[in-house]
Amino acid sequence: MQGAPASSAALWTDERLVKECVRGNEEAWSLLIDKYKNLIFSIPIKYEFSRDDASDIFQSVCVDLLAELPRLRQPRALPKWLMQTTSHKCLHWRRREKRYVSAEEEGNTPEPAAPARAEQVLAEAEQEQALRDAIAALSPRCARMVRMFFFETPARPYEEVARELGLAIGSIGFTRGRCLEQLKKQLLARGFR
C-alpha cells in the first residue's frame, strides 16, 4: 500500500481497507475516506444543511467511523452503515438546531424547508454511491471521459476531450459509446436499475 496513489482505492475491497485501517495503516484510512467522502458529504447537503454544517457532520461521522471500524462485522455493509449513521447525525443535528431557537425568535423565523424524507435521502445516496463505484471500476480513460462529458460544467468540447485523452476527434463518439456500455454493465452488476 505504501506509495499507492489515491486512485488505487478502487482496487482495494472494503474488506481489505477496513482490515488495514484497524491495523493502524494511515494510508488505508486516507483511501477509505477518499472513497466515501462524497457519499458522506452528500447526505447533509440533501437535508439542506449549509456547507459548514455539512462539514461538521462529515467530521462527526468520520470520528464515529474510526471508533466503530474494529466492531464492523461485515465490511461490505460499510456504505449502508455510513449512510444510516450520516442520516441519523443529520436528524440529531436538526433537532439540536431547533432547540437553540428561542421562543422570541421562533415567531419571527420562517420555518426551514422540510428536510427530505430519510428513506428518500438514503436511496438517493445509495444510487449515487453505486454510480461513483461503477465509474471508479472503469478503465482510467473511460472514467475520465465520463467525468468530462457528464460531470463537468460546462461540458467540454470534443476537441478538448480528444486532446486531453490523446484520441482522434473522430473516435470520440465511438469511444464514449463503448465507455457508456462499460458503465452500464458496472451499474447493472451493482443492482442499479
Protein backbone atom coordinates (compact mmCIF):
# COMPACT_ATOMS: atom_id res chain seq x y z
CA MET A 1 0.00 0.00 0.00
CA GLN A 2 2.89 2.34 0.60
CA GLY A 3 3.22 4.90 -2.16
CA ALA A 4 -0.05 3.85 -3.81
CA PRO A 5 -1.89 6.69 -5.46
CA ALA A 6 -5.28 7.65 -4.08
CA SER A 7 -6.92 6.37 -7.27
CA SER A 8 -5.90 2.86 -6.22
CA ALA A 9 -8.68 2.89 -3.61
CA ALA A 10 -10.96 1.46 -6.29
CA LEU A 11 -8.62 -1.55 -6.48
CA TRP A 12 -8.98 -2.27 -2.77
CA THR A 13 -12.02 -4.07 -1.43
CA ASP A 14 -13.76 -2.59 1.57
CA GLU A 15 -12.73 -5.71 3.50
CA ARG A 16 -9.07 -5.01 2.83
CA LEU A 17 -9.37 -1.29 3.55
CA VAL A 18 -11.17 -1.94 6.86
CA LYS A 19 -8.60 -4.57 7.87
CA GLU A 20 -5.71 -2.20 7.11
CA CYS A 21 -7.42 0.70 8.91
CA VAL A 22 -7.95 -1.43 12.02
CA ARG A 23 -4.24 -2.27 11.90
CA GLY A 24 -3.49 1.46 12.01
CA ASN A 25 -2.48 1.95 8.38
CA GLU A 26 -2.92 5.70 7.87
CA GLU A 27 -2.75 5.43 4.10
CA ALA A 28 -5.62 2.92 4.14
CA TRP A 29 -7.61 5.35 6.28
CA SER A 30 -6.98 8.12 3.74
CA LEU A 31 -8.06 5.84 0.90
CA LEU A 32 -11.18 4.77 2.79
CA ILE A 33 -12.21 8.36 3.49
CA ASP A 34 -11.39 9.38 -0.08
CA LYS A 35 -13.57 6.54 -1.38
CA TYR A 36 -16.60 7.53 0.73
CA LYS A 37 -16.22 11.30 1.26
CA ASN A 38 -18.73 12.18 -1.46
CA LEU A 39 -21.25 9.71 -0.07
CA ILE A 40 -20.96 11.06 3.46
CA PHE A 41 -20.97 14.73 2.45
CA SER A 42 -23.89 14.36 0.03
CA ILE A 43 -26.35 13.34 2.72
CA PRO A 44 -26.28 16.55 4.82
CA ILE A 45 -26.46 18.53 1.57
CA LYS A 46 -29.64 16.61 0.68
CA TYR A 47 -31.01 17.55 4.10
CA GLU A 48 -30.35 21.16 3.08
CA PHE A 49 -27.65 21.88 5.63
CA SER A 50 -25.14 24.64 4.95
CA ARG A 51 -21.73 23.58 3.69
CA ASP A 52 -20.23 24.44 7.09
CA ASP A 53 -22.77 22.27 8.93
CA ALA A 54 -22.31 19.51 6.34
CA SER A 55 -18.56 19.65 7.00
CA ASP A 56 -19.14 19.37 10.75
CA ILE A 57 -21.46 16.39 10.23
CA PHE A 58 -18.87 14.82 7.90
CA GLN A 59 -16.21 15.16 10.61
CA SER A 60 -18.53 13.69 13.23
CA VAL A 61 -19.30 10.68 11.02
CA CYS A 62 -15.57 10.14 10.41
CA VAL A 63 -14.90 10.15 14.16
CA ASP A 64 -17.69 7.58 14.67
CA LEU A 65 -16.30 5.51 11.80
CA LEU A 66 -12.84 5.47 13.35
CA ALA A 67 -14.30 4.34 16.68
CA GLU A 68 -16.66 1.73 15.21
CA LEU A 69 -14.46 0.27 12.47
CA PRO A 70 -12.99 -2.50 14.66
CA ARG A 71 -16.53 -3.65 15.51
CA LEU A 72 -17.80 -3.67 11.92
CA ARG A 73 -18.78 -7.30 11.29
CA GLN A 74 -19.45 -7.02 7.56
CA PRO A 75 -17.11 -4.58 5.78
CA ARG A 76 -19.19 -4.83 2.60
CA ALA A 77 -22.02 -3.24 4.62
CA LEU A 78 -19.86 -0.15 5.20
CA PRO A 79 -21.65 2.09 2.65
CA LYS A 80 -25.04 1.34 4.26
CA TRP A 81 -23.59 1.95 7.73
CA LEU A 82 -22.17 5.28 6.56
CA MET A 83 -25.49 6.32 5.00
CA GLN A 84 -27.50 5.40 8.09
CA THR A 85 -25.03 6.96 10.51
CA THR A 86 -24.86 10.17 8.48
CA SER A 87 -28.64 10.34 8.18
CA HIS A 88 -29.00 9.88 11.95
CA LYS A 89 -26.41 12.60 12.56
CA CYS A 90 -28.40 14.92 10.29
CA LEU A 91 -31.63 14.26 12.17
CA HIS A 92 -29.92 14.80 15.54
CA TRP A 93 -28.25 17.98 14.22
CA ARG A 94 -31.63 19.29 13.04
CA ARG A 95 -33.22 18.58 16.46
CA ARG A 96 -30.32 20.33 18.19
CA GLU A 97 -30.72 23.35 15.89
CA LYS A 98 -34.41 23.62 16.76
CA ARG A 99 -33.63 23.53 20.50
CA TYR A 100 -31.42 26.60 20.16
CA VAL A 101 -34.13 28.75 18.60
CA SER A 102 -35.53 30.88 21.38
CA ALA A 103 -39.26 31.37 21.82
CA GLU A 104 -38.85 35.04 20.88
CA GLU A 105 -37.04 34.24 17.65
CA GLU A 106 -39.37 31.39 16.80
CA GLY A 107 -42.24 33.67 15.79
CA ASN A 108 -40.01 35.78 13.54
CA THR A 109 -38.08 32.98 11.89
CA PRO A 110 -39.62 31.33 8.87
CA GLU A 111 -39.91 27.56 9.15
CA PRO A 112 -36.98 25.93 7.36
CA ALA A 113 -37.80 23.91 4.28
CA ALA A 114 -38.93 20.43 5.21
CA PRO A 115 -35.95 18.09 5.11
CA ALA A 116 -36.06 15.27 2.62
CA ARG A 117 -37.51 12.07 3.97
CA ALA A 118 -34.81 9.83 5.39
CA GLU A 119 -35.70 6.89 3.14
CA GLN A 120 -35.53 9.05 0.04
CA VAL A 121 -32.21 10.58 1.06
CA LEU A 122 -30.74 7.15 1.78
CA ALA A 123 -31.99 5.73 -1.52
CA GLU A 124 -30.51 8.66 -3.46
CA ALA A 125 -27.21 8.39 -1.58
CA GLU A 126 -27.08 4.67 -2.29
CA GLN A 127 -27.66 5.24 -6.02
CA GLU A 128 -25.04 7.99 -6.14
CA GLN A 129 -22.51 5.75 -4.40
CA ALA A 130 -23.25 2.92 -6.83
CA LEU A 131 -22.57 5.36 -9.67
CA ARG A 132 -19.29 6.54 -8.09
CA ASP A 133 -18.19 2.92 -7.56
CA ALA A 134 -19.15 1.98 -11.14
CA ILE A 135 -17.17 4.90 -12.57
CA ALA A 136 -14.18 4.03 -10.38
CA ALA A 137 -14.26 0.46 -11.79
CA LEU A 138 -13.92 1.72 -15.38
CA SER A 139 -10.59 1.98 -17.15
CA PRO A 140 -8.87 5.28 -16.30
CA ARG A 141 -9.53 6.66 -19.79
CA CYS A 142 -13.25 5.77 -19.68
CA ALA A 143 -13.66 7.10 -16.15
CA ARG A 144 -12.03 10.39 -17.18
CA MET A 145 -14.17 10.63 -20.31
CA VAL A 146 -17.40 10.01 -18.38
CA ARG A 147 -16.45 12.68 -15.85
CA MET A 148 -15.51 15.19 -18.56
CA PHE A 149 -18.72 14.71 -20.55
CA PHE A 150 -21.26 14.25 -17.76
CA PHE A 151 -19.93 15.76 -14.55
CA GLU A 152 -18.13 18.92 -15.59
CA THR A 153 -19.92 22.19 -16.15
CA PRO A 154 -19.81 23.39 -18.80
CA ALA A 155 -19.38 20.20 -20.81
CA ARG A 156 -16.10 20.13 -22.67
CA PRO A 157 -15.94 20.34 -26.46
CA TYR A 158 -14.91 17.18 -28.34
CA GLU A 159 -11.65 18.82 -29.42
CA GLU A 160 -10.57 19.41 -25.84
CA VAL A 161 -11.58 15.90 -24.73
CA ALA A 162 -9.72 14.37 -27.68
CA ARG A 163 -6.58 16.39 -26.91
CA GLU A 164 -6.61 15.53 -23.20
CA LEU A 165 -7.23 11.82 -23.76
CA GLY A 166 -4.90 11.50 -26.73
CA LEU A 167 -7.65 10.43 -29.14
CA ALA A 168 -8.62 11.44 -32.65
CA ILE A 169 -11.70 13.70 -32.69
CA GLY A 170 -13.49 11.25 -34.97
CA SER A 171 -13.11 8.41 -32.45
CA ILE A 172 -14.64 10.28 -29.51
CA GLY A 173 -18.22 9.22 -30.24
CA PHE A 174 -17.31 5.55 -30.62
CA THR A 175 -15.10 5.57 -27.52
CA ARG A 176 -17.76 7.39 -25.50
CA GLY A 177 -20.33 4.78 -26.54
CA ARG A 178 -18.00 1.94 -25.52
CA CYS A 179 -17.32 3.62 -22.17
CA LEU A 180 -21.03 4.14 -21.52
CA GLU A 181 -21.66 0.46 -22.30
CA GLN A 182 -18.97 -0.49 -19.75
CA LEU A 183 -20.57 1.87 -17.25
CA LYS A 184 -23.97 0.31 -17.85
CA LYS A 185 -22.54 -3.17 -17.18
CA GLN A 186 -20.91 -1.94 -13.96
CA LEU A 187 -24.16 -0.34 -12.80
CA LEU A 188 -26.21 -3.45 -13.57
CA ALA A 189 -23.69 -5.56 -11.66
CA ARG A 190 -24.28 -3.27 -8.66
CA GLY A 191 -28.05 -3.62 -8.86
CA PHE A 192 -28.59 -0.13 -10.30
CA ARG A 193 -31.75 -0.14 -12.42
